[in-house]
N, C-alpha and C. Protein backbone atom coordinates (compact mmCIF):
# COMPACT_ATOMS: atom_id res chain seq x y z
N UNK A 1 5.50 -53.12 20.41
CA UNK A 1 4.66 -52.16 19.69
C UNK A 1 3.88 -52.88 18.60
N UNK A 2 2.73 -52.37 18.29
CA UNK A 2 1.86 -52.99 17.32
C UNK A 2 2.05 -52.33 15.95
N UNK A 3 1.34 -52.85 14.99
CA UNK A 3 1.38 -52.33 13.63
C UNK A 3 0.02 -51.74 13.31
N UNK A 4 0.01 -50.52 12.79
CA UNK A 4 -1.26 -49.94 12.34
C UNK A 4 -1.25 -49.88 10.82
N UNK A 5 -2.40 -50.20 10.23
CA UNK A 5 -2.54 -50.20 8.78
C UNK A 5 -3.83 -49.51 8.40
N UNK A 6 -3.75 -48.67 7.38
CA UNK A 6 -4.96 -48.11 6.79
C UNK A 6 -4.70 -47.91 5.31
N UNK A 7 -5.76 -47.93 4.54
CA UNK A 7 -5.62 -47.76 3.09
C UNK A 7 -6.53 -46.65 2.61
N UNK A 8 -6.09 -46.02 1.54
CA UNK A 8 -6.89 -44.99 0.88
C UNK A 8 -6.48 -44.97 -0.59
N UNK A 9 -7.33 -44.39 -1.40
CA UNK A 9 -7.04 -44.30 -2.83
C UNK A 9 -6.68 -42.87 -3.17
N UNK A 10 -5.57 -42.71 -3.90
CA UNK A 10 -5.14 -41.40 -4.39
C UNK A 10 -4.92 -41.57 -5.89
N UNK A 11 -5.80 -40.99 -6.68
CA UNK A 11 -5.72 -41.19 -8.12
C UNK A 11 -5.94 -42.66 -8.45
N UNK A 12 -5.01 -43.24 -9.21
CA UNK A 12 -5.13 -44.66 -9.55
C UNK A 12 -4.26 -45.54 -8.66
N UNK A 13 -3.79 -44.97 -7.55
CA UNK A 13 -2.93 -45.71 -6.62
C UNK A 13 -3.67 -46.03 -5.32
N UNK A 14 -3.33 -47.15 -4.74
CA UNK A 14 -3.82 -47.48 -3.40
C UNK A 14 -2.67 -47.23 -2.44
N UNK A 15 -2.90 -46.35 -1.48
CA UNK A 15 -1.88 -46.01 -0.50
C UNK A 15 -2.14 -46.81 0.77
N UNK A 16 -1.11 -47.54 1.20
CA UNK A 16 -1.18 -48.30 2.45
C UNK A 16 -0.33 -47.54 3.46
N UNK A 17 -0.99 -46.95 4.45
CA UNK A 17 -0.27 -46.22 5.50
C UNK A 17 0.07 -47.19 6.61
N UNK A 18 1.36 -47.28 6.91
CA UNK A 18 1.85 -48.23 7.90
C UNK A 18 2.47 -47.45 9.06
N UNK A 19 2.17 -47.87 10.28
CA UNK A 19 2.75 -47.24 11.44
C UNK A 19 3.18 -48.29 12.45
N UNK A 20 4.21 -47.98 13.21
CA UNK A 20 4.69 -48.90 14.25
C UNK A 20 5.87 -49.71 13.78
N UNK A 21 5.89 -50.97 14.17
CA UNK A 21 7.02 -51.85 13.86
C UNK A 21 6.61 -52.94 12.89
N UNK A 22 7.45 -53.15 11.87
CA UNK A 22 7.24 -54.25 10.93
C UNK A 22 8.31 -55.28 11.27
N UNK A 23 7.91 -56.30 12.00
CA UNK A 23 8.86 -57.33 12.42
C UNK A 23 8.24 -58.71 12.28
N UNK A 24 8.93 -59.71 12.83
CA UNK A 24 8.48 -61.10 12.68
C UNK A 24 7.07 -61.31 13.23
N UNK A 25 6.65 -60.51 14.20
CA UNK A 25 5.33 -60.67 14.80
C UNK A 25 4.23 -59.93 14.03
N UNK A 26 4.57 -58.77 13.47
CA UNK A 26 3.55 -57.94 12.82
C UNK A 26 3.54 -58.05 11.30
N UNK A 27 4.62 -58.52 10.71
CA UNK A 27 4.72 -58.59 9.25
C UNK A 27 3.59 -59.40 8.60
N UNK A 28 3.13 -60.50 9.22
CA UNK A 28 2.02 -61.23 8.59
C UNK A 28 0.77 -60.38 8.38
N UNK A 29 0.53 -59.42 9.26
CA UNK A 29 -0.62 -58.51 9.11
C UNK A 29 -0.45 -57.66 7.85
N UNK A 30 0.77 -57.16 7.61
CA UNK A 30 1.04 -56.37 6.40
C UNK A 30 0.93 -57.27 5.17
N UNK A 31 1.47 -58.48 5.25
CA UNK A 31 1.39 -59.41 4.12
C UNK A 31 -0.07 -59.67 3.75
N UNK A 32 -0.90 -59.93 4.75
CA UNK A 32 -2.32 -60.15 4.52
C UNK A 32 -2.97 -58.98 3.79
N UNK A 33 -2.64 -57.78 4.24
CA UNK A 33 -3.21 -56.57 3.64
C UNK A 33 -2.80 -56.46 2.17
N UNK A 34 -1.52 -56.68 1.87
CA UNK A 34 -1.03 -56.57 0.50
C UNK A 34 -1.67 -57.64 -0.39
N UNK A 35 -1.75 -58.86 0.10
CA UNK A 35 -2.36 -59.96 -0.66
C UNK A 35 -3.83 -59.63 -0.95
N UNK A 36 -4.53 -59.15 0.05
CA UNK A 36 -5.95 -58.81 -0.12
C UNK A 36 -6.14 -57.71 -1.16
N UNK A 37 -5.29 -56.68 -1.11
CA UNK A 37 -5.39 -55.59 -2.09
C UNK A 37 -5.18 -56.10 -3.51
N UNK A 38 -4.15 -56.92 -3.70
CA UNK A 38 -3.87 -57.46 -5.04
C UNK A 38 -5.02 -58.37 -5.49
N UNK A 39 -5.52 -59.20 -4.59
CA UNK A 39 -6.64 -60.08 -4.93
C UNK A 39 -7.88 -59.29 -5.31
N UNK A 40 -8.02 -58.08 -4.74
CA UNK A 40 -9.16 -57.22 -5.05
C UNK A 40 -8.92 -56.35 -6.28
N UNK A 41 -7.76 -56.50 -6.93
CA UNK A 41 -7.50 -55.78 -8.17
C UNK A 41 -6.70 -54.50 -8.04
N UNK A 42 -6.11 -54.25 -6.87
CA UNK A 42 -5.24 -53.07 -6.70
C UNK A 42 -3.82 -53.49 -7.03
N UNK A 43 -3.33 -53.06 -8.19
CA UNK A 43 -2.01 -53.48 -8.65
C UNK A 43 -0.97 -52.36 -8.60
N UNK A 44 -1.39 -51.15 -8.25
CA UNK A 44 -0.46 -50.03 -8.14
C UNK A 44 -0.53 -49.52 -6.71
N UNK A 45 0.47 -49.94 -5.92
CA UNK A 45 0.46 -49.67 -4.49
C UNK A 45 1.56 -48.69 -4.09
N UNK A 46 1.24 -47.88 -3.10
CA UNK A 46 2.23 -47.01 -2.46
C UNK A 46 2.19 -47.37 -0.98
N UNK A 47 3.31 -47.81 -0.45
CA UNK A 47 3.39 -48.14 0.97
C UNK A 47 4.05 -46.96 1.68
N UNK A 48 3.24 -46.26 2.47
CA UNK A 48 3.70 -45.08 3.20
C UNK A 48 4.27 -45.53 4.54
N UNK A 49 5.60 -45.45 4.65
CA UNK A 49 6.30 -45.92 5.84
C UNK A 49 6.80 -44.78 6.72
N UNK A 50 6.22 -43.60 6.57
CA UNK A 50 6.68 -42.44 7.34
C UNK A 50 6.53 -42.63 8.85
N UNK A 51 5.57 -43.45 9.28
CA UNK A 51 5.35 -43.66 10.71
C UNK A 51 5.88 -45.02 11.20
N UNK A 52 6.73 -45.65 10.39
CA UNK A 52 7.33 -46.93 10.80
C UNK A 52 8.53 -46.64 11.68
N UNK A 53 8.54 -47.29 12.86
CA UNK A 53 9.62 -47.09 13.82
C UNK A 53 10.72 -48.13 13.70
N UNK A 54 10.37 -49.30 13.16
CA UNK A 54 11.33 -50.41 13.11
C UNK A 54 10.96 -51.31 11.94
N UNK A 55 11.99 -51.84 11.27
CA UNK A 55 11.79 -52.74 10.14
C UNK A 55 12.87 -53.81 10.21
N UNK A 56 12.45 -55.10 10.19
CA UNK A 56 13.45 -56.16 10.19
C UNK A 56 13.39 -56.94 8.88
N UNK A 57 14.17 -58.02 8.81
CA UNK A 57 14.26 -58.78 7.56
C UNK A 57 12.93 -59.42 7.17
N UNK A 58 12.11 -59.77 8.15
CA UNK A 58 10.79 -60.33 7.84
C UNK A 58 9.94 -59.28 7.12
N UNK A 59 10.00 -58.05 7.61
CA UNK A 59 9.28 -56.96 6.97
C UNK A 59 9.78 -56.71 5.55
N UNK A 60 11.09 -56.75 5.37
CA UNK A 60 11.65 -56.59 4.02
C UNK A 60 11.14 -57.69 3.10
N UNK A 61 11.07 -58.90 3.62
CA UNK A 61 10.57 -60.03 2.83
C UNK A 61 9.13 -59.83 2.40
N UNK A 62 8.32 -59.28 3.29
CA UNK A 62 6.91 -59.01 2.96
C UNK A 62 6.83 -57.97 1.84
N UNK A 63 7.65 -56.93 1.92
CA UNK A 63 7.64 -55.90 0.88
C UNK A 63 8.09 -56.46 -0.46
N UNK A 64 9.13 -57.29 -0.45
CA UNK A 64 9.60 -57.91 -1.70
C UNK A 64 8.52 -58.82 -2.26
N UNK A 65 7.86 -59.59 -1.38
CA UNK A 65 6.76 -60.45 -1.82
C UNK A 65 5.62 -59.65 -2.43
N UNK A 66 5.31 -58.51 -1.82
CA UNK A 66 4.27 -57.63 -2.36
C UNK A 66 4.64 -57.10 -3.73
N UNK A 67 5.91 -56.76 -3.90
CA UNK A 67 6.40 -56.27 -5.19
C UNK A 67 6.24 -57.35 -6.26
N UNK A 68 6.64 -58.57 -5.93
CA UNK A 68 6.51 -59.68 -6.89
C UNK A 68 5.04 -59.90 -7.27
N UNK A 69 4.18 -59.79 -6.27
CA UNK A 69 2.74 -60.00 -6.48
C UNK A 69 2.16 -58.97 -7.46
N UNK A 70 2.48 -57.68 -7.25
CA UNK A 70 1.92 -56.66 -8.15
C UNK A 70 2.57 -56.71 -9.53
N UNK A 71 3.85 -57.06 -9.58
CA UNK A 71 4.51 -57.16 -10.89
C UNK A 71 3.93 -58.27 -11.74
N UNK A 72 3.41 -59.31 -11.10
CA UNK A 72 2.76 -60.41 -11.84
C UNK A 72 1.52 -59.91 -12.57
N UNK A 73 1.03 -58.73 -12.17
CA UNK A 73 -0.15 -58.12 -12.80
C UNK A 73 0.21 -56.81 -13.49
N UNK A 74 1.50 -56.68 -13.88
CA UNK A 74 1.98 -55.46 -14.54
C UNK A 74 1.82 -54.23 -13.63
N UNK A 75 1.87 -54.43 -12.33
CA UNK A 75 1.67 -53.34 -11.38
C UNK A 75 2.97 -52.78 -10.84
N UNK A 76 2.83 -51.97 -9.79
CA UNK A 76 4.01 -51.34 -9.18
C UNK A 76 3.81 -51.22 -7.68
N UNK A 77 4.92 -51.17 -6.97
CA UNK A 77 4.89 -50.95 -5.53
C UNK A 77 5.98 -49.93 -5.22
N UNK A 78 5.55 -48.78 -4.75
CA UNK A 78 6.48 -47.70 -4.41
C UNK A 78 6.46 -47.50 -2.90
N UNK A 79 7.59 -47.10 -2.38
CA UNK A 79 7.69 -46.86 -0.94
C UNK A 79 7.83 -45.37 -0.66
N UNK A 80 7.26 -44.93 0.45
CA UNK A 80 7.46 -43.57 0.94
C UNK A 80 8.19 -43.71 2.26
N UNK A 81 9.39 -43.16 2.31
CA UNK A 81 10.19 -43.26 3.52
C UNK A 81 11.19 -42.11 3.54
N UNK A 82 11.21 -41.37 4.64
CA UNK A 82 12.19 -40.29 4.76
C UNK A 82 12.97 -40.37 6.07
N UNK A 83 12.88 -41.52 6.74
CA UNK A 83 13.62 -41.71 7.98
C UNK A 83 14.96 -42.37 7.67
N UNK A 84 16.03 -41.74 8.06
CA UNK A 84 17.36 -42.22 7.73
C UNK A 84 17.61 -43.64 8.24
N UNK A 85 17.14 -43.96 9.45
CA UNK A 85 17.44 -45.30 9.99
C UNK A 85 16.74 -46.40 9.19
N UNK A 86 15.58 -46.10 8.61
CA UNK A 86 14.88 -47.09 7.79
C UNK A 86 15.50 -47.12 6.38
N UNK A 87 15.81 -45.95 5.85
CA UNK A 87 16.44 -45.89 4.52
C UNK A 87 17.77 -46.64 4.52
N UNK A 88 18.50 -46.57 5.62
CA UNK A 88 19.80 -47.25 5.74
C UNK A 88 19.63 -48.76 5.53
N UNK A 89 18.55 -49.32 6.04
CA UNK A 89 18.29 -50.76 5.87
C UNK A 89 18.13 -51.09 4.39
N UNK A 90 17.42 -50.24 3.66
CA UNK A 90 17.24 -50.48 2.22
C UNK A 90 18.57 -50.33 1.47
N UNK A 91 19.40 -49.38 1.89
CA UNK A 91 20.70 -49.20 1.24
C UNK A 91 21.62 -50.39 1.51
N UNK A 92 21.69 -50.83 2.76
CA UNK A 92 22.57 -51.93 3.15
C UNK A 92 22.20 -53.22 2.42
N UNK A 93 20.92 -53.45 2.26
CA UNK A 93 20.44 -54.69 1.62
C UNK A 93 20.42 -54.59 0.09
N UNK A 94 20.69 -53.41 -0.45
CA UNK A 94 20.66 -53.23 -1.90
C UNK A 94 19.25 -53.06 -2.46
N UNK A 95 18.27 -52.96 -1.59
CA UNK A 95 16.89 -52.86 -2.06
C UNK A 95 16.52 -51.47 -2.59
N UNK A 96 17.43 -50.50 -2.46
CA UNK A 96 17.18 -49.21 -3.10
C UNK A 96 17.21 -49.36 -4.62
N UNK A 97 17.83 -50.45 -5.09
CA UNK A 97 17.87 -50.73 -6.53
C UNK A 97 16.60 -51.44 -6.99
N UNK A 98 15.83 -51.95 -6.05
CA UNK A 98 14.64 -52.74 -6.36
C UNK A 98 13.37 -51.90 -6.23
N UNK A 99 13.30 -51.11 -5.16
CA UNK A 99 12.11 -50.31 -4.87
C UNK A 99 12.32 -48.85 -5.23
N UNK A 100 11.35 -48.23 -5.88
CA UNK A 100 11.37 -46.77 -5.99
C UNK A 100 11.00 -46.22 -4.60
N UNK A 101 11.89 -45.41 -4.02
CA UNK A 101 11.64 -44.85 -2.69
C UNK A 101 11.48 -43.34 -2.82
N UNK A 102 10.36 -42.84 -2.30
CA UNK A 102 10.01 -41.42 -2.43
C UNK A 102 9.93 -40.78 -1.04
N UNK A 103 9.97 -39.45 -1.02
CA UNK A 103 9.95 -38.73 0.26
C UNK A 103 8.54 -38.33 0.68
N UNK A 104 7.55 -38.45 -0.22
CA UNK A 104 6.17 -38.12 0.15
C UNK A 104 5.20 -38.94 -0.68
N UNK A 105 3.99 -39.08 -0.19
CA UNK A 105 2.95 -39.82 -0.92
C UNK A 105 2.66 -39.11 -2.25
N UNK A 106 2.58 -37.78 -2.22
CA UNK A 106 2.31 -37.04 -3.45
C UNK A 106 3.35 -37.32 -4.51
N UNK A 107 4.62 -37.35 -4.09
CA UNK A 107 5.72 -37.63 -5.03
C UNK A 107 5.60 -39.05 -5.58
N UNK A 108 5.27 -40.00 -4.73
CA UNK A 108 5.14 -41.40 -5.16
C UNK A 108 3.98 -41.58 -6.13
N UNK A 109 2.87 -40.91 -5.86
CA UNK A 109 1.69 -41.02 -6.73
C UNK A 109 1.96 -40.37 -8.09
N UNK A 110 2.69 -39.27 -8.09
CA UNK A 110 2.97 -38.55 -9.33
C UNK A 110 4.05 -39.21 -10.18
N UNK A 111 4.88 -40.06 -9.57
CA UNK A 111 6.02 -40.66 -10.27
C UNK A 111 5.55 -41.62 -11.35
N UNK A 112 6.31 -41.66 -12.42
CA UNK A 112 6.06 -42.64 -13.46
C UNK A 112 7.34 -43.44 -13.64
N UNK A 113 7.26 -44.72 -13.36
CA UNK A 113 8.45 -45.56 -13.52
C UNK A 113 8.07 -46.92 -14.03
């Protein structure tokens, strides 16, 4: 399966909508997108993972790298995920302590953390 990416602006946040699988083959595409957004001055990102079917350790690494990148600019990276099988990966790895995870884009955009 492939990875689909699209971006839109909601308020002062850039929302990256991700669909498909984030794995060793597709993660570089997501990394490229995040790097490009930060290089273009988007430091407050929301990664909408509602349509993600699969996430592996490479994908987690890309998300952590994106978080480090935006934090270097006093920014934030919030995740939108309501699928139990994907949330379980974040819980097992302890990344629920690192990423703010929300159930909807609206909730993520409205959050202040």
